[in-house]
Amino acid sequence: MFGEQRFGHGYQNLHRFADLLGDSRRRVDRQLRGLLISAVRSQLFNQVLAERIKRQIWASPLHGDYFKLDGSRSGFRDDPDDERLRERCLSQDIHPTGPLYGRGTPQVEADASSLEQEILAPFTEWREGLEQLGLEQERRALRIRLDDLQWQFSASDTLTLTFFLPAGTFATVLLRELMDISSPAVR
């Protein structure tokens, strides 16, 4: 899941995406353009992940899924005849993926495709905008393997966590999932 820092204060990066699609396209600088595109793609990914978590199918294969090999950018499309896929998902050798939306043919089919189309149907403007901006379809694993997690309480009742996360993942998201963290009040 992509964290709040991706979306900006009050989710403004999602709201500002419309600036890229209108007449003001040339007035958005390159760095901000990339940030806004990333925010929208991340939110669409989060929608798919949230629904798969809700349905308790985020860590298991769906017919038509696309999988990423653990620790790799390589992936492959579901093979309905491969009975080992469920076992490989359970052992975290492979991971089901979610969309980083763009133009082109989605890499998922069958049940996985139907589910994503259902979830992303309310976001037509964003999806069409990403296609117009020329982004290509990509996939990202719905989960990551957490390696080397260690924890201890010090004498002062302070919890210390150490862990390794792969590039492109955020400790803030992991911590949010591990404990109840609330943002400080803005004054």
N, C-alpha and C. Protein backbone atom coordinates (compact mmCIF):
# COMPACT_ATOMS: atom_id res chain seq x y z
N MET A 1 0.85 -1.17 0.00
CA MET A 1 0.00 0.00 0.00
C MET A 1 0.90 1.24 0.00
N PHE A 2 0.49 2.21 -0.76
CA PHE A 2 1.20 3.48 -0.78
C PHE A 2 0.69 4.33 0.37
N GLY A 3 1.57 5.04 1.04
CA GLY A 3 1.22 5.80 2.22
C GLY A 3 0.79 7.22 1.94
N GLU A 4 0.33 7.87 3.00
CA GLU A 4 -0.22 9.22 2.91
C GLU A 4 0.76 10.24 2.35
N GLN A 5 2.07 10.03 2.60
CA GLN A 5 3.05 11.01 2.11
C GLN A 5 3.02 11.13 0.59
N ARG A 6 2.57 10.11 -0.10
CA ARG A 6 2.48 10.13 -1.56
C ARG A 6 1.39 11.08 -2.04
N PHE A 7 0.37 11.30 -1.21
CA PHE A 7 -0.81 12.02 -1.66
C PHE A 7 -0.83 13.50 -1.30
N GLY A 8 0.10 13.93 -0.47
CA GLY A 8 0.16 15.34 -0.09
C GLY A 8 -0.83 15.68 1.01
N HIS A 9 -0.64 16.86 1.59
CA HIS A 9 -1.51 17.33 2.67
C HIS A 9 -2.95 17.41 2.18
N GLY A 10 -3.85 16.76 2.91
CA GLY A 10 -5.26 16.78 2.54
C GLY A 10 -5.53 16.15 1.18
N TYR A 11 -4.65 15.26 0.75
CA TYR A 11 -4.78 14.56 -0.53
C TYR A 11 -4.79 15.52 -1.72
N GLN A 12 -4.11 16.67 -1.55
CA GLN A 12 -4.09 17.69 -2.60
C GLN A 12 -3.47 17.18 -3.90
N ASN A 13 -2.52 16.25 -3.84
CA ASN A 13 -1.91 15.76 -5.08
C ASN A 13 -2.93 15.06 -5.97
N LEU A 14 -3.91 14.42 -5.36
CA LEU A 14 -4.96 13.78 -6.15
C LEU A 14 -5.87 14.82 -6.79
N HIS A 15 -6.20 15.85 -6.05
CA HIS A 15 -7.08 16.91 -6.57
C HIS A 15 -6.39 17.71 -7.67
N ARG A 16 -5.09 17.90 -7.56
CA ARG A 16 -4.35 18.72 -8.52
C ARG A 16 -4.07 17.99 -9.83
N PHE A 17 -4.32 16.68 -9.87
CA PHE A 17 -4.08 15.91 -11.09
C PHE A 17 -4.86 16.49 -12.27
N ALA A 18 -6.02 17.07 -12.00
CA ALA A 18 -6.83 17.68 -13.06
C ALA A 18 -6.06 18.78 -13.78
N ASP A 19 -5.11 19.43 -13.09
CA ASP A 19 -4.29 20.48 -13.72
C ASP A 19 -3.51 19.93 -14.92
N LEU A 20 -3.11 18.68 -14.83
CA LEU A 20 -2.35 18.07 -15.93
C LEU A 20 -3.22 17.80 -17.15
N LEU A 21 -4.50 17.67 -16.92
CA LEU A 21 -5.40 17.26 -18.00
C LEU A 21 -6.06 18.43 -18.72
N GLY A 22 -6.04 19.60 -18.09
CA GLY A 22 -6.70 20.76 -18.68
C GLY A 22 -5.76 21.62 -19.48
N ASP A 23 -6.18 22.84 -19.72
CA ASP A 23 -5.40 23.80 -20.50
C ASP A 23 -4.09 24.18 -19.82
N SER A 24 -3.99 23.96 -18.51
CA SER A 24 -2.80 24.39 -17.78
C SER A 24 -1.69 23.34 -17.82
N ARG A 25 -1.80 22.33 -18.67
CA ARG A 25 -0.83 21.23 -18.71
C ARG A 25 0.61 21.74 -18.77
N ARG A 26 0.90 22.74 -19.58
CA ARG A 26 2.27 23.22 -19.75
C ARG A 26 2.80 23.99 -18.54
N ARG A 27 1.89 24.45 -17.68
CA ARG A 27 2.32 25.23 -16.52
C ARG A 27 2.72 24.37 -15.33
N VAL A 28 2.55 23.08 -15.39
CA VAL A 28 2.93 22.19 -14.30
C VAL A 28 4.36 21.72 -14.56
N ASP A 29 5.27 22.05 -13.63
CA ASP A 29 6.67 21.69 -13.87
C ASP A 29 6.85 20.17 -13.82
N ARG A 30 7.96 19.73 -14.37
CA ARG A 30 8.22 18.30 -14.58
C ARG A 30 8.19 17.50 -13.27
N GLN A 31 8.82 18.03 -12.22
CA GLN A 31 8.87 17.32 -10.95
C GLN A 31 7.47 17.18 -10.35
N LEU A 32 6.70 18.26 -10.36
CA LEU A 32 5.34 18.22 -9.84
C LEU A 32 4.47 17.29 -10.69
N ARG A 33 4.66 17.34 -11.98
CA ARG A 33 3.91 16.46 -12.90
C ARG A 33 4.11 15.00 -12.50
N GLY A 34 5.36 14.60 -12.29
CA GLY A 34 5.66 13.23 -11.88
C GLY A 34 5.03 12.86 -10.55
N LEU A 35 5.05 13.81 -9.62
CA LEU A 35 4.47 13.58 -8.30
C LEU A 35 2.95 13.37 -8.39
N LEU A 36 2.28 14.19 -9.18
CA LEU A 36 0.82 14.08 -9.32
C LEU A 36 0.42 12.79 -10.01
N ILE A 37 1.15 12.43 -11.05
CA ILE A 37 0.88 11.17 -11.75
C ILE A 37 1.07 9.99 -10.80
N SER A 38 2.16 10.02 -10.05
CA SER A 38 2.46 8.95 -9.11
C SER A 38 1.37 8.83 -8.04
N ALA A 39 0.86 9.97 -7.59
CA ALA A 39 -0.19 9.96 -6.57
C ALA A 39 -1.45 9.28 -7.09
N VAL A 40 -1.85 9.60 -8.30
CA VAL A 40 -3.08 9.01 -8.86
C VAL A 40 -2.89 7.52 -9.12
N ARG A 41 -1.77 7.15 -9.71
CA ARG A 41 -1.52 5.71 -9.94
C ARG A 41 -1.50 4.95 -8.62
N SER A 42 -0.90 5.55 -7.61
CA SER A 42 -0.82 4.90 -6.29
C SER A 42 -2.20 4.74 -5.67
N GLN A 43 -3.04 5.76 -5.82
CA GLN A 43 -4.40 5.67 -5.25
C GLN A 43 -5.21 4.58 -5.94
N LEU A 44 -5.08 4.45 -7.24
CA LEU A 44 -5.79 3.38 -7.95
C LEU A 44 -5.28 2.01 -7.48
N PHE A 45 -3.98 1.88 -7.33
CA PHE A 45 -3.40 0.64 -6.79
C PHE A 45 -3.98 0.35 -5.41
N ASN A 46 -4.00 1.38 -4.54
CA ASN A 46 -4.52 1.21 -3.18
C ASN A 46 -5.98 0.77 -3.18
N GLN A 47 -6.77 1.26 -4.11
CA GLN A 47 -8.18 0.85 -4.19
C GLN A 47 -8.29 -0.64 -4.45
N VAL A 48 -7.47 -1.14 -5.38
CA VAL A 48 -7.49 -2.58 -5.69
C VAL A 48 -7.01 -3.38 -4.49
N LEU A 49 -5.90 -2.96 -3.89
CA LEU A 49 -5.38 -3.68 -2.73
C LEU A 49 -6.39 -3.68 -1.58
N ALA A 50 -6.99 -2.55 -1.29
CA ALA A 50 -7.96 -2.46 -0.18
C ALA A 50 -9.12 -3.43 -0.39
N GLU A 51 -9.61 -3.51 -1.62
CA GLU A 51 -10.73 -4.42 -1.88
C GLU A 51 -10.30 -5.88 -1.78
N ARG A 52 -9.09 -6.19 -2.25
CA ARG A 52 -8.61 -7.57 -2.13
C ARG A 52 -8.38 -7.93 -0.66
N ILE A 53 -7.93 -6.98 0.15
CA ILE A 53 -7.79 -7.24 1.58
C ILE A 53 -9.17 -7.47 2.19
N LYS A 54 -10.13 -6.62 1.85
CA LYS A 54 -11.49 -6.75 2.36
C LYS A 54 -12.08 -8.13 2.03
N ARG A 55 -11.80 -8.60 0.83
CA ARG A 55 -12.32 -9.92 0.40
C ARG A 55 -11.40 -11.07 0.80
N GLN A 56 -10.33 -10.75 1.48
CA GLN A 56 -9.34 -11.72 1.96
C GLN A 56 -8.72 -12.53 0.82
N ILE A 57 -8.40 -11.83 -0.29
CA ILE A 57 -7.78 -12.48 -1.44
C ILE A 57 -6.53 -11.73 -1.90
N TRP A 58 -5.93 -10.97 -1.01
CA TRP A 58 -4.76 -10.17 -1.36
C TRP A 58 -3.48 -11.00 -1.44
N ALA A 59 -3.44 -12.13 -0.76
CA ALA A 59 -2.22 -12.94 -0.72
C ALA A 59 -2.37 -14.28 -1.42
N SER A 60 -3.48 -14.46 -2.11
CA SER A 60 -3.70 -15.73 -2.81
C SER A 60 -4.04 -15.45 -4.27
N PRO A 61 -3.76 -16.41 -5.12
CA PRO A 61 -3.97 -16.18 -6.56
C PRO A 61 -5.45 -16.18 -6.95
N LEU A 62 -5.76 -15.32 -7.89
CA LEU A 62 -7.06 -15.32 -8.57
C LEU A 62 -6.83 -15.81 -9.99
N HIS A 63 -7.84 -16.42 -10.55
CA HIS A 63 -7.73 -16.85 -11.95
C HIS A 63 -7.47 -15.61 -12.81
N GLY A 64 -6.40 -15.63 -13.58
CA GLY A 64 -6.05 -14.52 -14.45
C GLY A 64 -5.08 -13.53 -13.85
N ASP A 65 -4.61 -13.77 -12.62
CA ASP A 65 -3.67 -12.86 -11.96
C ASP A 65 -2.35 -12.78 -12.71
N TYR A 66 -1.60 -11.73 -12.40
CA TYR A 66 -0.22 -11.58 -12.84
C TYR A 66 0.62 -11.57 -11.57
N PHE A 67 1.71 -12.32 -11.56
CA PHE A 67 2.54 -12.48 -10.36
C PHE A 67 3.91 -11.88 -10.54
N LYS A 68 4.47 -11.36 -9.46
CA LYS A 68 5.85 -10.92 -9.42
C LYS A 68 6.64 -11.94 -8.59
N LEU A 69 7.83 -12.24 -9.06
CA LEU A 69 8.73 -13.10 -8.30
C LEU A 69 9.26 -12.29 -7.13
N ASP A 70 9.36 -12.91 -5.95
CA ASP A 70 9.83 -12.21 -4.77
C ASP A 70 11.24 -11.67 -5.00
N GLY A 71 11.42 -10.39 -4.68
CA GLY A 71 12.72 -9.75 -4.80
C GLY A 71 13.15 -9.46 -6.23
N SER A 72 12.20 -9.45 -7.16
CA SER A 72 12.54 -9.29 -8.57
C SER A 72 11.50 -8.40 -9.25
N ARG A 73 11.90 -7.83 -10.36
CA ARG A 73 10.93 -7.09 -11.18
C ARG A 73 10.24 -8.01 -12.19
N SER A 74 10.73 -9.24 -12.28
CA SER A 74 10.19 -10.21 -13.24
C SER A 74 8.85 -10.73 -12.76
N GLY A 75 8.02 -11.07 -13.73
CA GLY A 75 6.71 -11.59 -13.41
C GLY A 75 6.19 -12.50 -14.51
N PHE A 76 5.01 -13.04 -14.26
CA PHE A 76 4.39 -13.94 -15.23
C PHE A 76 2.89 -13.98 -15.01
N ARG A 77 2.20 -14.35 -16.05
CA ARG A 77 0.73 -14.45 -16.03
C ARG A 77 0.32 -15.80 -15.45
N ASP A 78 -0.82 -15.83 -14.83
CA ASP A 78 -1.40 -17.03 -14.23
C ASP A 78 -1.46 -18.17 -15.24
N ASP A 79 -1.14 -19.35 -14.79
CA ASP A 79 -1.31 -20.57 -15.56
C ASP A 79 -2.31 -21.43 -14.81
N PRO A 80 -3.56 -21.52 -15.31
CA PRO A 80 -4.60 -22.24 -14.57
C PRO A 80 -4.26 -23.71 -14.32
N ASP A 81 -3.34 -24.26 -15.09
CA ASP A 81 -2.97 -25.67 -14.91
C ASP A 81 -1.86 -25.86 -13.87
N ASP A 82 -1.29 -24.77 -13.39
CA ASP A 82 -0.20 -24.87 -12.42
C ASP A 82 -0.78 -24.89 -11.01
N GLU A 83 -0.83 -26.08 -10.44
CA GLU A 83 -1.41 -26.25 -9.10
C GLU A 83 -0.48 -25.73 -8.00
N ARG A 84 0.74 -25.37 -8.33
CA ARG A 84 1.71 -24.92 -7.35
C ARG A 84 1.58 -23.42 -7.03
N LEU A 85 0.78 -22.69 -7.80
CA LEU A 85 0.70 -21.24 -7.60
C LEU A 85 0.26 -20.86 -6.19
N ARG A 86 -0.75 -21.54 -5.67
CA ARG A 86 -1.24 -21.23 -4.32
C ARG A 86 -0.13 -21.48 -3.30
N GLU A 87 0.56 -22.59 -3.44
CA GLU A 87 1.67 -22.92 -2.53
C GLU A 87 2.80 -21.89 -2.64
N ARG A 88 3.11 -21.47 -3.87
CA ARG A 88 4.16 -20.49 -4.07
C ARG A 88 3.77 -19.13 -3.47
N CYS A 89 2.49 -18.80 -3.53
CA CYS A 89 2.01 -17.56 -2.89
C CYS A 89 2.13 -17.68 -1.37
N LEU A 90 1.73 -18.80 -0.82
CA LEU A 90 1.81 -18.99 0.63
C LEU A 90 3.25 -18.91 1.13
N SER A 91 4.20 -19.42 0.35
CA SER A 91 5.60 -19.39 0.76
C SER A 91 6.27 -18.05 0.42
N GLN A 92 5.53 -17.14 -0.19
CA GLN A 92 5.99 -15.82 -0.61
C GLN A 92 7.12 -15.88 -1.65
N ASP A 93 7.12 -16.93 -2.42
CA ASP A 93 8.03 -17.04 -3.57
C ASP A 93 7.54 -16.12 -4.68
N ILE A 94 6.22 -16.00 -4.78
CA ILE A 94 5.58 -15.10 -5.75
C ILE A 94 4.50 -14.30 -5.04
N HIS A 95 4.14 -13.16 -5.66
CA HIS A 95 3.14 -12.28 -5.06
C HIS A 95 2.13 -11.85 -6.12
N PRO A 96 0.82 -11.91 -5.81
CA PRO A 96 -0.17 -11.31 -6.71
C PRO A 96 0.14 -9.82 -6.87
N THR A 97 -0.30 -9.23 -7.96
CA THR A 97 0.01 -7.83 -8.23
C THR A 97 -1.25 -6.99 -8.38
N GLY A 98 -1.03 -5.69 -8.30
CA GLY A 98 -2.08 -4.71 -8.55
C GLY A 98 -1.60 -3.76 -9.63
N PRO A 99 -2.52 -2.98 -10.20
CA PRO A 99 -2.18 -2.15 -11.35
C PRO A 99 -1.52 -0.82 -10.98
N LEU A 100 -0.55 -0.44 -11.78
CA LEU A 100 -0.09 0.94 -11.88
C LEU A 100 -0.63 1.36 -13.23
N TYR A 101 -1.75 2.04 -13.21
CA TYR A 101 -2.57 2.23 -14.39
C TYR A 101 -1.88 3.04 -15.49
N GLY A 102 -2.21 2.70 -16.72
CA GLY A 102 -1.74 3.38 -17.91
C GLY A 102 -2.39 2.77 -19.14
N ARG A 103 -1.89 3.16 -20.30
CA ARG A 103 -2.48 2.65 -21.53
C ARG A 103 -1.91 1.27 -21.86
N GLY A 104 -2.58 0.59 -22.77
CA GLY A 104 -2.14 -0.74 -23.15
C GLY A 104 -3.06 -1.80 -22.58
N THR A 105 -2.78 -3.01 -22.95
CA THR A 105 -3.59 -4.14 -22.51
C THR A 105 -3.19 -4.54 -21.10
N PRO A 106 -4.15 -4.63 -20.19
CA PRO A 106 -3.81 -5.07 -18.83
C PRO A 106 -3.20 -6.47 -18.85
N GLN A 107 -2.31 -6.73 -17.90
CA GLN A 107 -1.66 -8.02 -17.84
C GLN A 107 -2.47 -9.05 -17.09
N VAL A 108 -3.62 -8.65 -16.56
CA VAL A 108 -4.49 -9.60 -15.88
C VAL A 108 -5.65 -9.96 -16.79
N GLU A 109 -6.24 -11.12 -16.52
CA GLU A 109 -7.36 -11.63 -17.30
C GLU A 109 -8.40 -12.21 -16.35
N ALA A 110 -9.46 -12.74 -16.92
CA ALA A 110 -10.47 -13.52 -16.20
C ALA A 110 -10.92 -12.83 -14.90
N ASP A 111 -10.93 -13.58 -13.79
CA ASP A 111 -11.45 -13.06 -12.52
C ASP A 111 -10.67 -11.84 -12.02
N ALA A 112 -9.35 -11.87 -12.16
CA ALA A 112 -8.54 -10.73 -11.71
C ALA A 112 -8.89 -9.47 -12.49
N SER A 113 -9.08 -9.60 -13.79
CA SER A 113 -9.43 -8.46 -14.63
C SER A 113 -10.82 -7.93 -14.27
N SER A 114 -11.78 -8.84 -14.12
CA SER A 114 -13.14 -8.42 -13.76
C SER A 114 -13.17 -7.67 -12.44
N LEU A 115 -12.42 -8.16 -11.47
CA LEU A 115 -12.37 -7.50 -10.17
C LEU A 115 -11.78 -6.09 -10.29
N GLU A 116 -10.67 -5.96 -11.00
CA GLU A 116 -10.05 -4.65 -11.14
C GLU A 116 -10.94 -3.69 -11.91
N GLN A 117 -11.61 -4.17 -12.94
CA GLN A 117 -12.52 -3.29 -13.68
C GLN A 117 -13.65 -2.80 -12.79
N GLU A 118 -14.17 -3.67 -11.96
CA GLU A 118 -15.25 -3.30 -11.03
C GLU A 118 -14.77 -2.24 -10.04
N ILE A 119 -13.60 -2.45 -9.46
CA ILE A 119 -13.07 -1.54 -8.45
C ILE A 119 -12.73 -0.18 -9.05
N LEU A 120 -12.16 -0.17 -10.26
CA LEU A 120 -11.67 1.07 -10.86
C LEU A 120 -12.72 1.79 -11.71
N ALA A 121 -13.90 1.23 -11.85
CA ALA A 121 -14.95 1.85 -12.66
C ALA A 121 -15.26 3.29 -12.24
N PRO A 122 -15.30 3.62 -10.95
CA PRO A 122 -15.61 5.01 -10.56
C PRO A 122 -14.51 6.02 -10.91
N PHE A 123 -13.36 5.55 -11.36
CA PHE A 123 -12.22 6.43 -11.58
C PHE A 123 -11.91 6.62 -13.06
N THR A 124 -12.94 6.72 -13.88
CA THR A 124 -12.78 6.82 -15.32
C THR A 124 -11.92 8.03 -15.72
N GLU A 125 -12.16 9.19 -15.12
CA GLU A 125 -11.42 10.40 -15.48
C GLU A 125 -9.92 10.22 -15.23
N TRP A 126 -9.57 9.67 -14.08
CA TRP A 126 -8.16 9.44 -13.78
C TRP A 126 -7.54 8.43 -14.75
N ARG A 127 -8.25 7.34 -15.01
CA ARG A 127 -7.71 6.30 -15.89
C ARG A 127 -7.50 6.85 -17.30
N GLU A 128 -8.49 7.57 -17.81
CA GLU A 128 -8.36 8.15 -19.15
C GLU A 128 -7.24 9.19 -19.18
N GLY A 129 -7.12 9.96 -18.10
CA GLY A 129 -6.05 10.96 -18.02
C GLY A 129 -4.67 10.33 -18.05
N LEU A 130 -4.48 9.23 -17.33
CA LEU A 130 -3.19 8.54 -17.33
C LEU A 130 -2.87 7.99 -18.72
N GLU A 131 -3.90 7.49 -19.40
CA GLU A 131 -3.69 7.00 -20.76
C GLU A 131 -3.31 8.15 -21.69
N GLN A 132 -3.99 9.29 -21.57
CA GLN A 132 -3.69 10.46 -22.41
C GLN A 132 -2.27 10.97 -22.18
N LEU A 133 -1.79 10.85 -20.96
CA LEU A 133 -0.44 11.30 -20.64
C LEU A 133 0.63 10.31 -21.12
N GLY A 134 0.20 9.18 -21.66
CA GLY A 134 1.12 8.24 -22.28
C GLY A 134 1.73 7.21 -21.36
N LEU A 135 1.23 7.09 -20.14
CA LEU A 135 1.79 6.09 -19.24
C LEU A 135 1.36 4.69 -19.68
N GLU A 136 2.27 3.75 -19.55
CA GLU A 136 2.00 2.35 -19.91
C GLU A 136 1.57 1.58 -18.66
N GLN A 137 0.75 0.54 -18.88
CA GLN A 137 0.35 -0.35 -17.80
C GLN A 137 1.59 -0.97 -17.15
N GLU A 138 1.59 -1.04 -15.84
CA GLU A 138 2.62 -1.74 -15.08
C GLU A 138 1.94 -2.47 -13.94
N ARG A 139 2.68 -3.35 -13.29
CA ARG A 139 2.15 -4.09 -12.15
C ARG A 139 3.12 -3.98 -10.98
N ARG A 140 2.57 -4.00 -9.78
CA ARG A 140 3.37 -3.97 -8.56
C ARG A 140 2.81 -5.02 -7.61
N ALA A 141 3.68 -5.70 -6.89
CA ALA A 141 3.25 -6.72 -5.93
C ALA A 141 2.32 -6.11 -4.89
N LEU A 142 1.30 -6.86 -4.52
CA LEU A 142 0.34 -6.40 -3.51
C LEU A 142 0.90 -6.48 -2.10
N ARG A 143 2.00 -7.17 -1.94
CA ARG A 143 2.62 -7.32 -0.63
C ARG A 143 4.13 -7.41 -0.80
N ILE A 144 4.83 -7.28 0.30
CA ILE A 144 6.28 -7.46 0.28
C ILE A 144 6.65 -8.42 1.40
N ARG A 145 7.77 -9.03 1.24
CA ARG A 145 8.30 -9.90 2.30
C ARG A 145 9.05 -8.98 3.28
N LEU A 146 8.76 -9.12 4.54
CA LEU A 146 9.44 -8.35 5.58
C LEU A 146 10.57 -9.20 6.13
N ASP A 147 11.78 -8.78 5.88
CA ASP A 147 12.95 -9.55 6.33
C ASP A 147 13.60 -8.88 7.53
N ASP A 148 14.19 -9.71 8.34
CA ASP A 148 15.03 -9.25 9.45
C ASP A 148 14.32 -8.34 10.44
N LEU A 149 13.06 -8.61 10.73
CA LEU A 149 12.34 -7.83 11.73
C LEU A 149 12.82 -8.24 13.12
N GLN A 150 13.29 -7.26 13.88
CA GLN A 150 13.71 -7.48 15.26
C GLN A 150 13.09 -6.38 16.11
N TRP A 151 12.76 -6.72 17.32
CA TRP A 151 12.18 -5.72 18.21
C TRP A 151 12.63 -5.98 19.64
N GLN A 152 12.67 -4.92 20.40
CA GLN A 152 12.98 -5.04 21.82
C GLN A 152 12.49 -3.80 22.55
N PHE A 153 12.13 -4.01 23.82
CA PHE A 153 11.78 -2.90 24.71
C PHE A 153 13.02 -2.56 25.52
N SER A 154 13.33 -1.30 25.58
CA SER A 154 14.45 -0.85 26.40
C SER A 154 13.95 -0.62 27.82
N ALA A 155 14.88 -0.31 28.70
CA ALA A 155 14.51 -0.08 30.11
C ALA A 155 13.54 1.07 30.27
N SER A 156 13.53 2.00 29.33
CA SER A 156 12.65 3.17 29.45
C SER A 156 11.31 2.94 28.75
N ASP A 157 10.93 1.69 28.55
CA ASP A 157 9.67 1.33 27.89
C ASP A 157 9.58 1.87 26.46
N THR A 158 10.71 1.94 25.81
CA THR A 158 10.76 2.36 24.42
C THR A 158 10.89 1.14 23.53
N LEU A 159 10.01 1.02 22.57
CA LEU A 159 10.08 -0.09 21.62
C LEU A 159 11.01 0.29 20.48
N THR A 160 11.98 -0.55 20.23
CA THR A 160 12.90 -0.34 19.11
C THR A 160 12.67 -1.44 18.09
N LEU A 161 12.39 -1.05 16.84
CA LEU A 161 12.21 -1.99 15.74
C LEU A 161 13.34 -1.82 14.75
N THR A 162 13.82 -2.92 14.22
CA THR A 162 14.76 -2.88 13.10
C THR A 162 14.26 -3.86 12.06
N PHE A 163 14.40 -3.48 10.81
CA PHE A 163 13.92 -4.33 9.72
C PHE A 163 14.54 -3.86 8.42
N PHE A 164 14.40 -4.68 7.41
CA PHE A 164 14.85 -4.34 6.07
C PHE A 164 13.65 -4.28 5.14
N LEU A 165 13.55 -3.22 4.35
CA LEU A 165 12.51 -3.10 3.33
C LEU A 165 13.18 -2.89 1.98
N PRO A 166 12.62 -3.47 0.92
CA PRO A 166 13.20 -3.24 -0.41
C PRO A 166 12.96 -1.81 -0.89
N ALA A 167 13.72 -1.40 -1.88
CA ALA A 167 13.57 -0.07 -2.49
C ALA A 167 12.13 0.13 -2.93
N GLY A 168 11.65 1.35 -2.77
CA GLY A 168 10.29 1.69 -3.21
C GLY A 168 9.22 1.42 -2.17
N THR A 169 9.62 0.98 -0.98
CA THR A 169 8.67 0.75 0.09
C THR A 169 8.98 1.72 1.23
N PHE A 170 8.00 1.95 2.09
CA PHE A 170 8.13 2.98 3.10
C PHE A 170 7.90 2.43 4.50
N ALA A 171 8.82 2.76 5.40
CA ALA A 171 8.71 2.34 6.79
C ALA A 171 7.44 2.89 7.43
N THR A 172 7.03 4.07 7.02
CA THR A 172 5.83 4.67 7.62
C THR A 172 4.60 3.82 7.37
N VAL A 173 4.52 3.21 6.20
CA VAL A 173 3.38 2.35 5.88
C VAL A 173 3.44 1.08 6.72
N LEU A 174 4.62 0.50 6.83
CA LEU A 174 4.77 -0.70 7.66
C LEU A 174 4.38 -0.40 9.11
N LEU A 175 4.88 0.69 9.65
CA LEU A 175 4.57 1.05 11.04
C LEU A 175 3.08 1.28 11.22
N ARG A 176 2.44 1.89 10.25
CA ARG A 176 0.99 2.11 10.33
C ARG A 176 0.24 0.78 10.43
N GLU A 177 0.75 -0.24 9.73
CA GLU A 177 0.09 -1.54 9.75
C GLU A 177 0.38 -2.31 11.04
N LEU A 178 1.52 -2.05 11.65
CA LEU A 178 1.91 -2.77 12.86
C LEU A 178 1.29 -2.21 14.13
N MET A 179 1.00 -0.91 14.15
CA MET A 179 0.51 -0.30 15.38
C MET A 179 -0.47 0.82 15.08
N ASP A 180 -1.14 1.25 16.11
CA ASP A 180 -2.10 2.35 15.99
C ASP A 180 -1.33 3.66 16.10
N ILE A 181 -1.19 4.33 14.95
CA ILE A 181 -0.49 5.61 14.91
C ILE A 181 -1.47 6.66 14.43
N SER A 182 -1.57 7.75 15.17
CA SER A 182 -2.43 8.83 14.71
C SER A 182 -1.54 10.05 14.43
N SER A 183 -1.93 10.80 13.44
CA SER A 183 -1.18 12.01 13.08
C SER A 183 -1.39 13.07 14.14
N PRO A 184 -0.35 13.85 14.42
CA PRO A 184 -0.50 14.93 15.40
C PRO A 184 -1.50 15.97 14.88
N ALA A 185 -2.18 16.59 15.79
CA ALA A 185 -3.14 17.64 15.42
C ALA A 185 -2.40 18.83 14.82
N VAL A 186 -2.97 19.40 13.78
CA VAL A 186 -2.39 20.58 13.15
C VAL A 186 -2.91 21.79 13.89
N ARG A 187 -2.00 22.67 14.26
CA ARG A 187 -2.41 23.87 15.01
C ARG A 187 -2.39 25.06 14.13
